[in-house]
């Protein structure tokens, strides 16, 4: 959504590598199945939301 594929790929690599602490910029963590209600609606309606991390199954 608004990012080039290479930028998105690099972002995922940084998150997986855990070399940078992203906790301070993540305003919410949600499960993939909650992406519409908790993700899009939160970003649209809550001005405090900036970056929402979507937790996928099978990850670390």
N, C-alpha and C. Protein backbone atom coordinates (compact mmCIF):
# COMPACT_ATOMS: atom_id res chain seq x y z
N UNK A 1 0.83 -1.19 0.00
CA UNK A 1 0.00 0.00 0.00
C UNK A 1 0.87 1.24 0.00
N UNK A 2 1.29 1.67 -1.16
CA UNK A 2 2.07 2.88 -1.25
C UNK A 2 3.58 2.68 -1.21
N UNK A 3 4.04 1.45 -1.07
CA UNK A 3 5.47 1.18 -1.04
C UNK A 3 5.89 0.41 -2.29
N UNK A 4 7.11 0.65 -2.74
CA UNK A 4 7.67 -0.13 -3.84
C UNK A 4 7.98 -1.54 -3.33
N UNK A 5 7.93 -2.56 -4.17
CA UNK A 5 8.22 -3.93 -3.73
C UNK A 5 9.58 -4.07 -3.05
N UNK A 6 10.59 -3.38 -3.55
CA UNK A 6 11.93 -3.48 -2.96
C UNK A 6 11.95 -2.90 -1.54
N UNK A 7 11.22 -1.82 -1.33
CA UNK A 7 11.15 -1.21 0.00
C UNK A 7 10.44 -2.13 0.98
N UNK A 8 9.35 -2.73 0.52
CA UNK A 8 8.61 -3.66 1.36
C UNK A 8 9.48 -4.87 1.71
N UNK A 9 10.20 -5.41 0.73
CA UNK A 9 11.09 -6.56 0.94
C UNK A 9 12.16 -6.21 1.98
N UNK A 10 12.78 -5.05 1.86
CA UNK A 10 13.82 -4.64 2.81
C UNK A 10 13.25 -4.46 4.21
N UNK A 11 12.04 -3.92 4.29
CA UNK A 11 11.39 -3.74 5.60
C UNK A 11 11.17 -5.08 6.29
N UNK A 12 10.70 -6.06 5.53
CA UNK A 12 10.48 -7.40 6.09
C UNK A 12 11.80 -8.01 6.53
N UNK A 13 12.85 -7.83 5.73
CA UNK A 13 14.17 -8.36 6.10
C UNK A 13 14.65 -7.75 7.42
N UNK A 14 14.48 -6.46 7.60
CA UNK A 14 14.90 -5.80 8.84
C UNK A 14 14.10 -6.33 10.02
N UNK A 15 12.80 -6.51 9.84
CA UNK A 15 11.97 -7.05 10.92
C UNK A 15 12.39 -8.46 11.28
N UNK A 16 12.68 -9.28 10.30
CA UNK A 16 13.08 -10.67 10.54
C UNK A 16 14.46 -10.75 11.17
N UNK A 17 15.34 -9.87 10.78
CA UNK A 17 16.72 -9.85 11.27
C UNK A 17 16.77 -9.43 12.73
N UNK A 18 15.83 -8.60 13.15
CA UNK A 18 15.76 -8.06 14.51
C UNK A 18 16.99 -7.23 14.88
N UNK A 19 17.68 -6.67 13.86
CA UNK A 19 18.85 -5.85 14.12
C UNK A 19 18.49 -4.43 14.56
N UNK A 20 17.26 -4.04 14.29
CA UNK A 20 16.78 -2.72 14.69
C UNK A 20 15.55 -2.90 15.57
N UNK A 21 15.52 -2.19 16.68
CA UNK A 21 14.37 -2.24 17.58
C UNK A 21 13.26 -1.38 16.99
N UNK A 22 12.22 -2.03 16.47
CA UNK A 22 11.11 -1.30 15.86
C UNK A 22 9.94 -1.10 16.82
N UNK A 23 10.05 -1.62 18.02
CA UNK A 23 8.96 -1.49 19.00
C UNK A 23 8.49 -0.05 19.20
N UNK A 24 9.41 0.93 19.29
CA UNK A 24 8.95 2.31 19.53
C UNK A 24 8.06 2.88 18.41
N UNK A 25 8.17 2.38 17.19
CA UNK A 25 7.37 2.94 16.10
C UNK A 25 6.13 2.11 15.77
N UNK A 26 6.02 0.93 16.35
CA UNK A 26 4.84 0.10 16.12
C UNK A 26 3.76 0.50 17.10
N UNK A 27 2.62 0.94 16.59
CA UNK A 27 1.55 1.39 17.47
C UNK A 27 0.56 0.29 17.79
N UNK A 28 0.63 -0.82 17.04
CA UNK A 28 -0.31 -1.91 17.28
C UNK A 28 0.20 -3.17 16.59
N UNK A 29 -0.08 -4.33 17.18
CA UNK A 29 0.20 -5.62 16.56
C UNK A 29 -1.11 -6.37 16.44
N UNK A 30 -1.36 -6.92 15.24
CA UNK A 30 -2.61 -7.63 15.01
C UNK A 30 -2.34 -8.93 14.26
N UNK A 31 -3.29 -9.82 14.29
CA UNK A 31 -3.22 -11.07 13.52
C UNK A 31 -3.76 -10.80 12.12
N UNK A 32 -3.32 -11.59 11.15
CA UNK A 32 -3.72 -11.42 9.77
C UNK A 32 -5.24 -11.42 9.60
N UNK A 33 -5.92 -12.30 10.32
CA UNK A 33 -7.37 -12.38 10.17
C UNK A 33 -8.10 -11.14 10.69
N UNK A 34 -7.41 -10.27 11.42
CA UNK A 34 -8.01 -9.04 11.95
C UNK A 34 -7.63 -7.80 11.15
N UNK A 35 -7.07 -8.00 9.95
CA UNK A 35 -6.51 -6.88 9.20
C UNK A 35 -7.54 -5.80 8.85
N UNK A 36 -8.76 -6.20 8.51
CA UNK A 36 -9.76 -5.19 8.13
C UNK A 36 -10.24 -4.42 9.36
N UNK A 37 -10.78 -5.13 10.33
CA UNK A 37 -11.35 -4.46 11.50
C UNK A 37 -10.29 -3.75 12.35
N UNK A 38 -9.24 -4.44 12.68
CA UNK A 38 -8.22 -3.87 13.58
C UNK A 38 -7.15 -3.08 12.83
N UNK A 39 -6.95 -3.37 11.57
CA UNK A 39 -5.90 -2.70 10.80
C UNK A 39 -6.40 -1.48 10.06
N UNK A 40 -7.13 -1.71 8.99
CA UNK A 40 -7.59 -0.60 8.16
C UNK A 40 -8.49 0.37 8.92
N UNK A 41 -9.41 -0.16 9.71
CA UNK A 41 -10.30 0.73 10.45
C UNK A 41 -9.54 1.54 11.49
N UNK A 42 -8.56 0.93 12.15
CA UNK A 42 -7.76 1.66 13.13
C UNK A 42 -6.97 2.78 12.47
N UNK A 43 -6.34 2.48 11.34
CA UNK A 43 -5.55 3.51 10.65
C UNK A 43 -6.44 4.63 10.13
N UNK A 44 -7.65 4.30 9.74
CA UNK A 44 -8.56 5.30 9.19
C UNK A 44 -9.20 6.17 10.27
N UNK A 45 -9.43 5.59 11.45
CA UNK A 45 -10.21 6.29 12.47
C UNK A 45 -9.45 6.76 13.70
N UNK A 46 -8.23 6.27 13.90
CA UNK A 46 -7.47 6.60 15.11
C UNK A 46 -6.18 7.32 14.71
N UNK A 47 -6.12 8.62 14.97
CA UNK A 47 -4.96 9.41 14.57
C UNK A 47 -3.69 9.04 15.32
N UNK A 48 -3.80 8.25 16.40
CA UNK A 48 -2.62 7.80 17.14
C UNK A 48 -1.94 6.62 16.47
N UNK A 49 -2.62 5.97 15.54
CA UNK A 49 -2.04 4.81 14.86
C UNK A 49 -1.10 5.28 13.74
N UNK A 50 0.08 4.68 13.69
CA UNK A 50 1.04 5.05 12.66
C UNK A 50 1.49 3.82 11.88
N UNK A 51 2.01 2.83 12.57
CA UNK A 51 2.49 1.60 11.94
C UNK A 51 1.92 0.42 12.69
N UNK A 52 1.23 -0.44 11.98
CA UNK A 52 0.64 -1.64 12.58
C UNK A 52 1.37 -2.86 12.04
N UNK A 53 1.87 -3.67 12.93
CA UNK A 53 2.57 -4.90 12.55
C UNK A 53 1.55 -6.03 12.47
N UNK A 54 1.53 -6.69 11.33
CA UNK A 54 0.61 -7.82 11.14
C UNK A 54 1.41 -9.09 11.38
N UNK A 55 1.01 -9.83 12.41
CA UNK A 55 1.70 -11.07 12.76
C UNK A 55 1.14 -12.21 11.90
N UNK A 56 2.04 -12.82 11.13
CA UNK A 56 1.67 -13.94 10.28
C UNK A 56 1.97 -15.23 10.99
N UNK A 57 1.19 -16.27 10.74
CA UNK A 57 1.47 -17.55 11.35
C UNK A 57 2.73 -18.15 10.74
N UNK A 58 3.40 -18.99 11.49
CA UNK A 58 4.61 -19.64 11.01
C UNK A 58 5.86 -18.84 11.21
N UNK A 59 5.76 -17.65 11.81
CA UNK A 59 6.92 -16.82 12.04
C UNK A 59 7.64 -17.22 13.31
N UNK A 60 8.64 -16.40 13.66
CA UNK A 60 9.43 -16.64 14.88
C UNK A 60 8.56 -16.51 16.10
